[in-house]
Amino acid sequence: MFSKIDTVHIQVKNLKRAQHWYGEVLELEQVFDSGKYLVFKIGVGETTLTIQEGEVRSSSVKPILFSDALEETRLKLLEKNVKAGEIEVDEDVTYFEFHDMDGNGFEVCQYIPL
């Protein structure tokens, strides 16, 4: 029925400001600009991140990003003045949470080697 998740859609208050934040702070590659929304590539996967200006609402859904270097990723975000939570351990996964400038939540995870 479905073959993949095509994109994760996030509403932001200011598209231009968000374009800079997602490109510079998260170091995501912008691959499309419709004038109304922007699409960013995330690492080597096929799923993209689409940001669009609109009403930002709290959500129980949040993108979970993967990093091979969780501690370094967290430190890099902290250096860029992103409020990143402490690293947590949940069985075979370590992770931390952070938010964009509009309060959209993200999680970054890394698997614990067996």
PDB file of N, CA and C in Angstrom:
ATOM      1  N   MET A   1       0.809  -1.192   0.000  1.00  0.00           N
ATOM      2  CA  MET A   1       0.000   0.000   0.000  1.00  0.00           C
ATOM      3  C   MET A   1       0.860   1.266   0.000  1.00  0.00           C
ATOM      4  N   PHE A   2       1.810   1.354   0.952  1.00  0.00           N
ATOM      5  CA  PHE A   2       2.723   2.502   1.001  1.00  0.00           C
ATOM      6  C   PHE A   2       4.139   1.990   0.808  1.00  0.00           C
ATOM      7  N   SER A   3       4.963   2.763   0.141  1.00  0.00           N
ATOM      8  CA  SER A   3       6.337   2.312  -0.087  1.00  0.00           C
ATOM      9  C   SER A   3       7.362   3.058   0.757  1.00  0.00           C
ATOM     10  N   LYS A   4       6.995   4.230   1.290  1.00  0.00           N
ATOM     11  CA  LYS A   4       7.947   4.981   2.116  1.00  0.00           C
ATOM     12  C   LYS A   4       7.252   6.189   2.725  1.00  0.00           C
ATOM     13  N   ILE A   5       7.909   6.827   3.676  1.00  0.00           N
ATOM     14  CA  ILE A   5       7.483   8.144   4.143  1.00  0.00           C
ATOM     15  C   ILE A   5       8.163   9.137   3.225  1.00  0.00           C
ATOM     16  N   ASP A   6       7.388   9.951   2.535  1.00  0.00           N
ATOM     17  CA  ASP A   6       7.946  10.882   1.561  1.00  0.00           C
ATOM     18  C   ASP A   6       8.598  12.078   2.232  1.00  0.00           C
ATOM     19  N   THR A   7       7.882  12.729   3.150  1.00  0.00           N
ATOM     20  CA  THR A   7       8.421  13.920   3.805  1.00  0.00           C
ATOM     21  C   THR A   7       7.788  14.079   5.176  1.00  0.00           C
ATOM     22  N   VAL A   8       8.455  14.808   6.032  1.00  0.00           N
ATOM     23  CA  VAL A   8       7.907  15.222   7.319  1.00  0.00           C
ATOM     24  C   VAL A   8       7.625  16.710   7.184  1.00  0.00           C
ATOM     25  N   HIS A   9       6.387  17.126   7.434  1.00  0.00           N
ATOM     26  CA  HIS A   9       5.959  18.515   7.230  1.00  0.00           C
ATOM     27  C   HIS A   9       5.912  19.244   8.572  1.00  0.00           C
ATOM     28  N   ILE A  10       6.546  20.418   8.627  1.00  0.00           N
ATOM     29  CA  ILE A  10       6.588  21.219   9.848  1.00  0.00           C
ATOM     30  C   ILE A  10       6.169  22.646   9.527  1.00  0.00           C
ATOM     31  N   GLN A  11       5.279  23.198  10.342  1.00  0.00           N
ATOM     32  CA  GLN A  11       4.859  24.591  10.207  1.00  0.00           C
ATOM     33  C   GLN A  11       5.819  25.475  11.012  1.00  0.00           C
ATOM     34  N   VAL A  12       6.195  26.606  10.454  1.00  0.00           N
ATOM     35  CA  VAL A  12       7.068  27.573  11.126  1.00  0.00           C
ATOM     36  C   VAL A  12       6.434  28.958  11.039  1.00  0.00           C
ATOM     37  N   LYS A  13       6.825  29.854  11.947  1.00  0.00           N
ATOM     38  CA  LYS A  13       6.251  31.204  11.972  1.00  0.00           C
ATOM     39  C   LYS A  13       6.787  32.084  10.853  1.00  0.00           C
ATOM     40  N   ASN A  14       8.086  31.941  10.536  1.00  0.00           N
ATOM     41  CA  ASN A  14       8.730  32.809   9.551  1.00  0.00           C
ATOM     42  C   ASN A  14       9.604  31.946   8.646  1.00  0.00           C
ATOM     43  N   LEU A  15       9.218  31.791   7.389  1.00  0.00           N
ATOM     44  CA  LEU A  15       9.906  30.876   6.475  1.00  0.00           C
ATOM     45  C   LEU A  15      11.356  31.276   6.234  1.00  0.00           C
ATOM     46  N   LYS A  16      11.625  32.560   6.049  1.00  0.00           N
ATOM     47  CA  LYS A  16      13.003  33.010   5.791  1.00  0.00           C
ATOM     48  C   LYS A  16      13.905  32.732   6.988  1.00  0.00           C
ATOM     49  N   ARG A  17      13.409  33.036   8.184  1.00  0.00           N
ATOM     50  CA  ARG A  17      14.189  32.784   9.397  1.00  0.00           C
ATOM     51  C   ARG A  17      14.425  31.282   9.576  1.00  0.00           C
ATOM     52  N   ALA A  18      13.392  30.497   9.316  1.00  0.00           N
ATOM     53  CA  ALA A  18      13.505  29.049   9.441  1.00  0.00           C
ATOM     54  C   ALA A  18      14.456  28.478   8.390  1.00  0.00           C
ATOM     55  N   GLN A  19      14.455  29.054   7.193  1.00  0.00           N
ATOM     56  CA  GLN A  19      15.363  28.603   6.134  1.00  0.00           C
ATOM     57  C   GLN A  19      16.808  28.708   6.611  1.00  0.00           C
ATOM     58  N   HIS A  20      17.136  29.813   7.216  1.00  0.00           N
ATOM     59  CA  HIS A  20      18.487  30.007   7.750  1.00  0.00           C
ATOM     60  C   HIS A  20      18.754  29.014   8.879  1.00  0.00           C
ATOM     61  N   TRP A  21      17.816  28.864   9.807  1.00  0.00           N
ATOM     62  CA  TRP A  21      18.014  28.008  10.975  1.00  0.00           C
ATOM     63  C   TRP A  21      18.216  26.552  10.569  1.00  0.00           C
ATOM     64  N   TYR A  22      17.354  26.032   9.714  1.00  0.00           N
ATOM     65  CA  TYR A  22      17.458  24.626   9.312  1.00  0.00           C
ATOM     66  C   TYR A  22      18.702  24.378   8.454  1.00  0.00           C
ATOM     67  N   GLY A  23      19.078  25.343   7.650  1.00  0.00           N
ATOM     68  CA  GLY A  23      20.268  25.198   6.819  1.00  0.00           C
ATOM     69  C   GLY A  23      21.559  25.369   7.592  1.00  0.00           C
ATOM     70  N   GLU A  24      21.640  26.425   8.406  1.00  0.00           N
ATOM     71  CA  GLU A  24      22.885  26.732   9.120  1.00  0.00           C
ATOM     72  C   GLU A  24      23.019  25.969  10.432  1.00  0.00           C
ATOM     73  N   VAL A  25      21.986  25.972  11.249  1.00  0.00           N
ATOM     74  CA  VAL A  25      22.075  25.344  12.565  1.00  0.00           C
ATOM     75  C   VAL A  25      22.035  23.826  12.457  1.00  0.00           C
ATOM     76  N   LEU A  26      21.067  23.292  11.716  1.00  0.00           N
ATOM     77  CA  LEU A  26      20.968  21.835  11.581  1.00  0.00           C
ATOM     78  C   LEU A  26      21.812  21.287  10.439  1.00  0.00           C
ATOM     79  N   GLU A  27      22.375  22.175   9.634  1.00  0.00           N
ATOM     80  CA  GLU A  27      23.250  21.789   8.518  1.00  0.00           C
ATOM     81  C   GLU A  27      22.542  20.867   7.525  1.00  0.00           C
ATOM     82  N   LEU A  28      21.261  21.142   7.266  1.00  0.00           N
ATOM     83  CA  LEU A  28      20.505  20.370   6.284  1.00  0.00           C
ATOM     84  C   LEU A  28      20.639  21.023   4.917  1.00  0.00           C
ATOM     85  N   GLU A  29      20.671  20.196   3.888  1.00  0.00           N
ATOM     86  CA  GLU A  29      20.795  20.687   2.511  1.00  0.00           C
ATOM     87  C   GLU A  29      19.417  20.985   1.936  1.00  0.00           C
ATOM     88  N   GLN A  30      19.204  22.237   1.533  1.00  0.00           N
ATOM     89  CA  GLN A  30      17.937  22.605   0.904  1.00  0.00           C
ATOM     90  C   GLN A  30      17.940  22.091  -0.527  1.00  0.00           C
ATOM     91  N   VAL A  31      16.877  21.353  -0.896  1.00  0.00           N
ATOM     92  CA  VAL A  31      16.812  20.776  -2.238  1.00  0.00           C
ATOM     93  C   VAL A  31      15.679  21.340  -3.083  1.00  0.00           C
ATOM     94  N   PHE A  32      14.785  22.137  -2.467  1.00  0.00           N
ATOM     95  CA  PHE A  32      13.676  22.699  -3.238  1.00  0.00           C
ATOM     96  C   PHE A  32      13.114  23.918  -2.532  1.00  0.00           C
ATOM     97  N   ASP A  33      12.719  24.917  -3.325  1.00  0.00           N
ATOM     98  CA  ASP A  33      12.077  26.131  -2.808  1.00  0.00           C
ATOM     99  C   ASP A  33      10.914  26.468  -3.730  1.00  0.00           C
ATOM    100  N   SER A  34       9.690  26.273  -3.244  1.00  0.00           N
ATOM    101  CA  SER A  34       8.508  26.566  -4.065  1.00  0.00           C
ATOM    102  C   SER A  34       8.095  28.028  -3.956  1.00  0.00           C
ATOM    103  N   GLY A  35       8.709  28.750  -3.034  1.00  0.00           N
ATOM    104  CA  GLY A  35       8.261  30.097  -2.726  1.00  0.00           C
ATOM    105  C   GLY A  35       7.279  30.098  -1.567  1.00  0.00           C
ATOM    106  N   LYS A  36       6.586  28.974  -1.369  1.00  0.00           N
ATOM    107  CA  LYS A  36       5.639  28.835  -0.257  1.00  0.00           C
ATOM    108  C   LYS A  36       6.126  27.838   0.787  1.00  0.00           C
ATOM    109  N   TYR A  37       6.984  26.921   0.370  1.00  0.00           N
ATOM    110  CA  TYR A  37       7.565  25.954   1.300  1.00  0.00           C
ATOM    111  C   TYR A  37       8.957  25.573   0.820  1.00  0.00           C
ATOM    112  N   LEU A  38       9.751  25.026   1.751  1.00  0.00           N
ATOM    113  CA  LEU A  38      11.125  24.608   1.462  1.00  0.00           C
ATOM    114  C   LEU A  38      11.266  23.134   1.795  1.00  0.00           C
ATOM    115  N   VAL A  39      12.093  22.436   1.038  1.00  0.00           N
ATOM    116  CA  VAL A  39      12.345  21.021   1.277  1.00  0.00           C
ATOM    117  C   VAL A  39      13.835  20.837   1.544  1.00  0.00           C
ATOM    118  N   PHE A  40      14.145  20.099   2.622  1.00  0.00           N
ATOM    119  CA  PHE A  40      15.524  19.824   3.005  1.00  0.00           C
ATOM    120  C   PHE A  40      15.782  18.324   2.970  1.00  0.00           C
ATOM    121  N   LYS A  41      16.973  17.964   2.530  1.00  0.00           N
ATOM    122  CA  LYS A  41      17.431  16.574   2.543  1.00  0.00           C
ATOM    123  C   LYS A  41      18.010  16.305   3.925  1.00  0.00           C
ATOM    124  N   ILE A  42      17.730  15.108   4.438  1.00  0.00           N
ATOM    125  CA  ILE A  42      18.255  14.712   5.743  1.00  0.00           C
ATOM    126  C   ILE A  42      19.205  13.542   5.529  1.00  0.00           C
ATOM    127  N   GLY A  43      20.493  13.783   5.636  1.00  0.00           N
ATOM    128  CA  GLY A  43      21.479  12.714   5.529  1.00  0.00           C
ATOM    129  C   GLY A  43      21.376  11.926   4.244  1.00  0.00           C
ATOM    130  N   VAL A  44      21.501  10.589   4.366  1.00  0.00           N
ATOM    131  CA  VAL A  44      21.534   9.723   3.190  1.00  0.00           C
ATOM    132  C   VAL A  44      20.181   9.086   2.875  1.00  0.00           C
ATOM    133  N   GLY A  45      19.195   9.278   3.725  1.00  0.00           N
ATOM    134  CA  GLY A  45      17.884   8.675   3.504  1.00  0.00           C
ATOM    135  C   GLY A  45      17.096   9.390   2.420  1.00  0.00           C
ATOM    136  N   GLU A  46      15.958   8.809   2.063  1.00  0.00           N
ATOM    137  CA  GLU A  46      15.088   9.389   1.041  1.00  0.00           C
ATOM    138  C   GLU A  46      14.071  10.365   1.616  1.00  0.00           C
ATOM    139  N   THR A  47      13.720  10.210   2.886  1.00  0.00           N
ATOM    140  CA  THR A  47      12.702  11.061   3.491  1.00  0.00           C
ATOM    141  C   THR A  47      13.240  12.473   3.661  1.00  0.00           C
ATOM    142  N   THR A  48      12.432  13.447   3.280  1.00  0.00           N
ATOM    143  CA  THR A  48      12.837  14.847   3.383  1.00  0.00           C
ATOM    144  C   THR A  48      12.068  15.541   4.504  1.00  0.00           C
ATOM    145  N   LEU A  49      12.486  16.761   4.793  1.00  0.00           N
ATOM    146  CA  LEU A  49      11.822  17.619   5.764  1.00  0.00           C
ATOM    147  C   LEU A  49      11.295  18.829   5.010  1.00  0.00           C
ATOM    148  N   THR A  50       9.993  19.063   5.091  1.00  0.00           N
ATOM    149  CA  THR A  50       9.365  20.196   4.419  1.00  0.00           C
ATOM    150  C   THR A  50       8.922  21.199   5.470  1.00  0.00           C
ATOM    151  N   ILE A  51       9.346  22.465   5.311  1.00  0.00           N
ATOM    152  CA  ILE A  51       8.892  23.509   6.230  1.00  0.00           C
ATOM    153  C   ILE A  51       8.042  24.504   5.461  1.00  0.00           C
ATOM    154  N   GLN A  52       6.982  24.960   6.116  1.00  0.00           N
ATOM    155  CA  GLN A  52       6.041  25.878   5.488  1.00  0.00           C
ATOM    156  C   GLN A  52       5.584  26.882   6.538  1.00  0.00           C
ATOM    157  N   GLU A  53       5.452  28.130   6.115  1.00  0.00           N
ATOM    158  CA  GLU A  53       4.984  29.161   7.032  1.00  0.00           C
ATOM    159  C   GLU A  53       3.512  28.932   7.337  1.00  0.00           C
ATOM    160  N   GLY A  54       3.164  29.026   8.615  1.00  0.00           N
ATOM    161  CA  GLY A  54       1.779  28.820   9.018  1.00  0.00           C
ATOM    162  C   GLY A  54       1.660  28.842  10.520  1.00  0.00           C
ATOM    163  N   GLU A  55       0.521  28.414  11.013  1.00  0.00           N
ATOM    164  CA  GLU A  55       0.269  28.383  12.451  1.00  0.00           C
ATOM    165  C   GLU A  55       1.020  27.212  13.071  1.00  0.00           C
ATOM    166  N   VAL A  56       1.882  27.524  14.036  1.00  0.00           N
ATOM    167  CA  VAL A  56       2.643  26.488  14.733  1.00  0.00           C
ATOM    168  C   VAL A  56       1.781  25.974  15.882  1.00  0.00           C
ATOM    169  N   ARG A  57       1.546  24.672  15.903  1.00  0.00           N
ATOM    170  CA  ARG A  57       0.739  24.049  16.952  1.00  0.00           C
ATOM    171  C   ARG A  57       1.551  22.954  17.616  1.00  0.00           C
ATOM    172  N   SER A  58       1.307  22.745  18.908  1.00  0.00           N
ATOM    173  CA  SER A  58       1.990  21.646  19.588  1.00  0.00           C
ATOM    174  C   SER A  58       1.481  20.331  19.017  1.00  0.00           C
ATOM    175  N   SER A  59       2.350  19.350  19.006  1.00  0.00           N
ATOM    176  CA  SER A  59       2.014  18.075  18.389  1.00  0.00           C
ATOM    177  C   SER A  59       2.619  16.939  19.195  1.00  0.00           C
ATOM    178  N   SER A  60       1.954  15.801  19.190  1.00  0.00           N
ATOM    179  CA  SER A  60       2.516  14.614  19.828  1.00  0.00           C
ATOM    180  C   SER A  60       3.435  13.872  18.860  1.00  0.00           C
ATOM    181  N   VAL A  61       3.502  14.337  17.619  1.00  0.00           N
ATOM    182  CA  VAL A  61       4.366  13.737  16.608  1.00  0.00           C
ATOM    183  C   VAL A  61       5.639  14.559  16.513  1.00  0.00           C
ATOM    184  N   LYS A  62       6.791  13.875  16.519  1.00  0.00           N
ATOM    185  CA  LYS A  62       8.046  14.600  16.332  1.00  0.00           C
ATOM    186  C   LYS A  62       9.003  13.745  15.514  1.00  0.00           C
ATOM    187  N   PRO A  63       9.750  14.384  14.635  1.00  0.00           N
ATOM    188  CA  PRO A  63      10.743  13.646  13.857  1.00  0.00           C
ATOM    189  C   PRO A  63      11.857  13.134  14.771  1.00  0.00           C
ATOM    190  N   ILE A  64      12.304  11.923  14.513  1.00  0.00           N
ATOM    191  CA  ILE A  64      13.450  11.366  15.227  1.00  0.00           C
ATOM    192  C   ILE A  64      14.574  11.231  14.215  1.00  0.00           C
ATOM    193  N   LEU A  65      15.629  11.986  14.441  1.00  0.00           N
ATOM    194  CA  LEU A  65      16.799  11.976  13.566  1.00  0.00           C
ATOM    195  C   LEU A  65      17.823  11.008  14.135  1.00  0.00           C
ATOM    196  N   PHE A  66      18.658  10.428  13.291  1.00  0.00           N
ATOM    197  CA  PHE A  66      19.697   9.496  13.733  1.00  0.00           C
ATOM    198  C   PHE A  66      21.061  10.146  13.591  1.00  0.00           C
ATOM    199  N   SER A  67      21.941   9.884  14.555  1.00  0.00           N
ATOM    200  CA  SER A  67      23.320  10.360  14.486  1.00  0.00           C
ATOM    201  C   SER A  67      24.264   9.249  14.916  1.00  0.00           C
ATOM    202  N   ASP A  68      25.364   9.083  14.174  1.00  0.00           N
ATOM    203  CA  ASP A  68      26.408   8.137  14.576  1.00  0.00           C
ATOM    204  C   ASP A  68      27.276   8.712  15.689  1.00  0.00           C
ATOM    205  N   ALA A  69      27.149  10.005  15.951  1.00  0.00           N
ATOM    206  CA  ALA A  69      27.962  10.698  16.958  1.00  0.00           C
ATOM    207  C   ALA A  69      27.037  11.555  17.825  1.00  0.00           C
ATOM    208  N   LEU A  70      26.278  10.906  18.673  1.00  0.00           N
ATOM    209  CA  LEU A  70      25.226  11.578  19.434  1.00  0.00           C
ATOM    210  C   LEU A  70      25.768  12.697  20.322  1.00  0.00           C
ATOM    211  N   GLU A  71      26.804  12.414  21.105  1.00  0.00           N
ATOM    212  CA  GLU A  71      27.344  13.434  22.013  1.00  0.00           C
ATOM    213  C   GLU A  71      27.887  14.631  21.248  1.00  0.00           C
ATOM    214  N   GLU A  72      28.607  14.375  20.147  1.00  0.00           N
ATOM    215  CA  GLU A  72      29.160  15.466  19.343  1.00  0.00           C
ATOM    216  C   GLU A  72      28.048  16.297  18.708  1.00  0.00           C
ATOM    217  N   THR A  73      26.983  15.632  18.255  1.00  0.00           N
ATOM    218  CA  THR A  73      25.848  16.343  17.668  1.00  0.00           C
ATOM    219  C   THR A  73      25.199  17.248  18.705  1.00  0.00           C
ATOM    220  N   ARG A  74      25.010  16.737  19.903  1.00  0.00           N
ATOM    221  CA  ARG A  74      24.406  17.541  20.977  1.00  0.00           C
ATOM    222  C   ARG A  74      25.280  18.749  21.304  1.00  0.00           C
ATOM    223  N   LEU A  75      26.584  18.527  21.431  1.00  0.00           N
ATOM    224  CA  LEU A  75      27.498  19.634  21.730  1.00  0.00           C
ATOM    225  C   LEU A  75      27.491  20.681  20.623  1.00  0.00           C
ATOM    226  N   LYS A  76      27.433  20.240  19.371  1.00  0.00           N
ATOM    227  CA  LYS A  76      27.400  21.180  18.245  1.00  0.00           C
ATOM    228  C   LYS A  76      26.139  22.040  18.302  1.00  0.00           C
ATOM    229  N   LEU A  77      24.995  21.419  18.623  1.00  0.00           N
ATOM    230  CA  LEU A  77      23.754  22.185  18.747  1.00  0.00           C
ATOM    231  C   LEU A  77      23.838  23.177  19.903  1.00  0.00           C
ATOM    232  N   LEU A  78      24.409  22.749  21.033  1.00  0.00           N
ATOM    233  CA  LEU A  78      24.566  23.656  22.173  1.00  0.00           C
ATOM    234  C   LEU A  78      25.455  24.842  21.809  1.00  0.00           C
ATOM    235  N   GLU A  79      26.522  24.589  21.050  1.00  0.00           N
ATOM    236  CA  GLU A  79      27.406  25.673  20.603  1.00  0.00           C
ATOM    237  C   GLU A  79      26.668  26.666  19.713  1.00  0.00           C
ATOM    238  N   LYS A  80      25.614  26.197  19.035  1.00  0.00           N
ATOM    239  CA  LYS A  80      24.822  27.068  18.158  1.00  0.00           C
ATOM    240  C   LYS A  80      23.602  27.632  18.892  1.00  0.00           C
ATOM    241  N   ASN A  81      23.665  27.599  20.228  1.00  0.00           N
ATOM    242  CA  ASN A  81      22.620  28.151  21.104  1.00  0.00           C
ATOM    243  C   ASN A  81      21.265  27.466  20.979  1.00  0.00           C
ATOM    244  N   VAL A  82      21.282  26.183  20.640  1.00  0.00           N
ATOM    245  CA  VAL A  82      20.057  25.390  20.627  1.00  0.00           C
ATOM    246  C   VAL A  82      19.938  24.724  21.997  1.00  0.00           C
ATOM    247  N   LYS A  83      18.781  24.847  22.620  1.00  0.00           N
ATOM    248  CA  LYS A  83      18.561  24.192  23.909  1.00  0.00           C
ATOM    249  C   LYS A  83      18.330  22.710  23.657  1.00  0.00           C
ATOM    250  N   ALA A  84      19.335  21.913  23.973  1.00  0.00           N
ATOM    251  CA  ALA A  84      19.261  20.467  23.775  1.00  0.00           C
ATOM    252  C   ALA A  84      19.219  19.799  25.140  1.00  0.00           C
ATOM    253  N   GLY A  85      18.311  18.850  25.297  1.00  0.00           N
ATOM    254  CA  GLY A  85      18.180  18.141  26.560  1.00  0.00           C
ATOM    255  C   GLY A  85      19.368  17.229  26.822  1.00  0.00           C
ATOM    256  N   GLU A  86      19.375  16.665  28.003  1.00  0.00           N
ATOM    257  CA  GLU A  86      20.425  15.719  28.382  1.00  0.00           C
ATOM    258  C   GLU A  86      20.268  14.424  27.583  1.00  0.00           C
ATOM    259  N   ILE A  87      21.362  13.700  27.442  1.00  0.00           N
ATOM    260  CA  ILE A  87      21.313  12.399  26.766  1.00  0.00           C
ATOM    261  C   ILE A  87      20.670  11.388  27.709  1.00  0.00           C
ATOM    262  N   GLU A  88      19.667  10.702  27.205  1.00  0.00           N
ATOM    263  CA  GLU A  88      18.917   9.694  27.960  1.00  0.00           C
ATOM    264  C   GLU A  88      19.212   8.317  27.372  1.00  0.00           C
ATOM    265  N   VAL A  89      19.024   7.280  28.194  1.00  0.00           N
ATOM    266  CA  VAL A  89      19.205   5.899  27.740  1.00  0.00           C
ATOM    267  C   VAL A  89      17.874   5.174  27.894  1.00  0.00           C
ATOM    268  N   ASP A  90      17.436   4.498  26.836  1.00  0.00           N
ATOM    269  CA  ASP A  90      16.205   3.715  26.857  1.00  0.00           C
ATOM    270  C   ASP A  90      16.509   2.369  26.221  1.00  0.00           C
ATOM    271  N   GLU A  91      16.846   1.410  27.040  1.00  0.00           N
ATOM    272  CA  GLU A  91      17.234   0.073  26.605  1.00  0.00           C
ATOM    273  C   GLU A  91      18.409   0.127  25.634  1.00  0.00           C
ATOM    274  N   ASP A  92      18.180  -0.113  24.335  1.00  0.00           N
ATOM    275  CA  ASP A  92      19.273  -0.188  23.362  1.00  0.00           C
ATOM    276  C   ASP A  92      19.485   1.108  22.595  1.00  0.00           C
ATOM    277  N   VAL A  93      18.884   2.199  23.054  1.00  0.00           N
ATOM    278  CA  VAL A  93      18.959   3.471  22.334  1.00  0.00           C
ATOM    279  C   VAL A  93      19.330   4.594  23.301  1.00  0.00           C
ATOM    280  N   THR A  94      20.218   5.480  22.849  1.00  0.00           N
ATOM    281  CA  THR A  94      20.457   6.727  23.569  1.00  0.00           C
ATOM    282  C   THR A  94      19.879   7.845  22.719  1.00  0.00           C
ATOM    283  N   TYR A  95      19.423   8.912  23.373  1.00  0.00           N
ATOM    284  CA  TYR A  95      18.771   9.982  22.623  1.00  0.00           C
ATOM    285  C   TYR A  95      18.765  11.273  23.429  1.00  0.00           C
ATOM    286  N   PHE A  96      18.492  12.370  22.737  1.00  0.00           N
ATOM    287  CA  PHE A  96      18.201  13.637  23.392  1.00  0.00           C
ATOM    288  C   PHE A  96      17.175  14.377  22.551  1.00  0.00           C
ATOM    289  N   GLU A  97      16.533  15.354  23.170  1.00  0.00           N
ATOM    290  CA  GLU A  97      15.508  16.134  22.485  1.00  0.00           C
ATOM    291  C   GLU A  97      15.956  17.579  22.341  1.00  0.00           C
ATOM    292  N   PHE A  98      15.449  18.251  21.314  1.00  0.00           N
ATOM    293  CA  PHE A  98      15.659  19.683  21.149  1.00  0.00           C
ATOM    294  C   PHE A  98      14.473  20.252  20.388  1.00  0.00           C
ATOM    295  N   HIS A  99      14.390  21.584  20.339  1.00  0.00           N
ATOM    296  CA  HIS A  99      13.300  22.267  19.641  1.00  0.00           C
ATOM    297  C   HIS A  99      13.869  23.304  18.690  1.00  0.00           C
ATOM    298  N   ASP A 100      13.133  23.557  17.609  1.00  0.00           N
ATOM    299  CA  ASP A 100      13.533  24.640  16.714  1.00  0.00           C
ATOM    300  C   ASP A 100      13.108  25.972  17.329  1.00  0.00           C
ATOM    301  N   MET A 101      13.327  27.072  16.623  1.00  0.00           N
ATOM    302  CA  MET A 101      13.055  28.397  17.167  1.00  0.00           C
ATOM    303  C   MET A 101      11.571  28.666  17.380  1.00  0.00           C
ATOM    304  N   ASP A 102      10.694  27.815  16.823  1.00  0.00           N
ATOM    305  CA  ASP A 102       9.253  27.975  17.000  1.00  0.00           C
ATOM    306  C   ASP A 102       8.664  26.961  17.975  1.00  0.00           C
ATOM    307  N   GLY A 103       9.506  26.125  18.572  1.00  0.00           N
ATOM    308  CA  GLY A 103       9.036  25.139  19.537  1.00  0.00           C
ATOM    309  C   GLY A 103       8.693  23.783  18.963  1.00  0.00           C
ATOM    310  N   ASN A 104       8.958  23.556  17.670  1.00  0.00           N
ATOM    311  CA  ASN A 104       8.742  22.229  17.083  1.00  0.00           C
ATOM    312  C   ASN A 104       9.766  21.260  17.664  1.00  0.00           C
ATOM    313  N   GLY A 105       9.290  20.124  18.175  1.00  0.00           N
ATOM    314  CA  GLY A 105      10.163  19.168  18.840  1.00  0.00           C
ATOM    315  C   GLY A 105      10.820  18.176  17.907  1.00  0.00           C
ATOM    316  N   PHE A 106      12.071  17.831  18.242  1.00  0.00           N
ATOM    317  CA  PHE A 106      12.847  16.823  17.532  1.00  0.00           C
ATOM    318  C   PHE A 106      13.514  15.919  18.560  1.00  0.00           C
ATOM    319  N   GLU A 107      13.859  14.722  18.128  1.00  0.00           N
ATOM    320  CA  GLU A 107      14.662  13.823  18.940  1.00  0.00           C
ATOM    321  C   GLU A 107      15.812  13.349  18.062  1.00  0.00           C
ATOM    322  N   VAL A 108      16.965  13.152  18.675  1.00  0.00           N
ATOM    323  CA  VAL A 108      18.120  12.592  17.973  1.00  0.00           C
ATOM    324  C   VAL A 108      18.491  11.315  18.708  1.00  0.00           C
ATOM    325  N   CYS A 109      18.660  10.212  17.982  1.00  0.00           N
ATOM    326  CA  CYS A 109      18.954   8.942  18.629  1.00  0.00           C
ATOM    327  C   CYS A 109      20.207   8.292  18.049  1.00  0.00           C
ATOM    328  N   GLN A 110      20.726   7.354  18.829  1.00  0.00           N
ATOM    329  CA  GLN A 110      21.852   6.514  18.409  1.00  0.00           C
ATOM    330  C   GLN A 110      21.655   5.163  19.079  1.00  0.00           C
ATOM    331  N   TYR A 111      21.880   4.097  18.334  1.00  0.00           N
ATOM    332  CA  TYR A 111      21.732   2.760  18.882  1.00  0.00           C
ATOM    333  C   TYR A 111      22.959   2.413  19.707  1.00  0.00           C
ATOM    334  N   ILE A 112      22.740   1.717  20.817  1.00  0.00           N
ATOM    335  CA  ILE A 112      23.843   1.258  21.654  1.00  0.00           C
ATOM    336  C   ILE A 112      24.365  -0.034  21.042  1.00  0.00           C
ATOM    337  N   PRO A 113      25.675  -0.088  20.735  1.00  0.00           N
ATOM    338  CA  PRO A 113      26.230  -1.314  20.136  1.00  0.00           C
ATOM    339  C   PRO A 113      26.076  -2.499  21.083  1.00  0.00           C
ATOM    340  N   LEU A 114      25.735  -3.640  20.527  1.00  0.00           N
ATOM    341  CA  LEU A 114      25.573  -4.858  21.340  1.00  0.00           C
ATOM    342  C   LEU A 114      26.888  -5.527  21.584  1.00  0.00           C
TER     343      LEU A 114
END
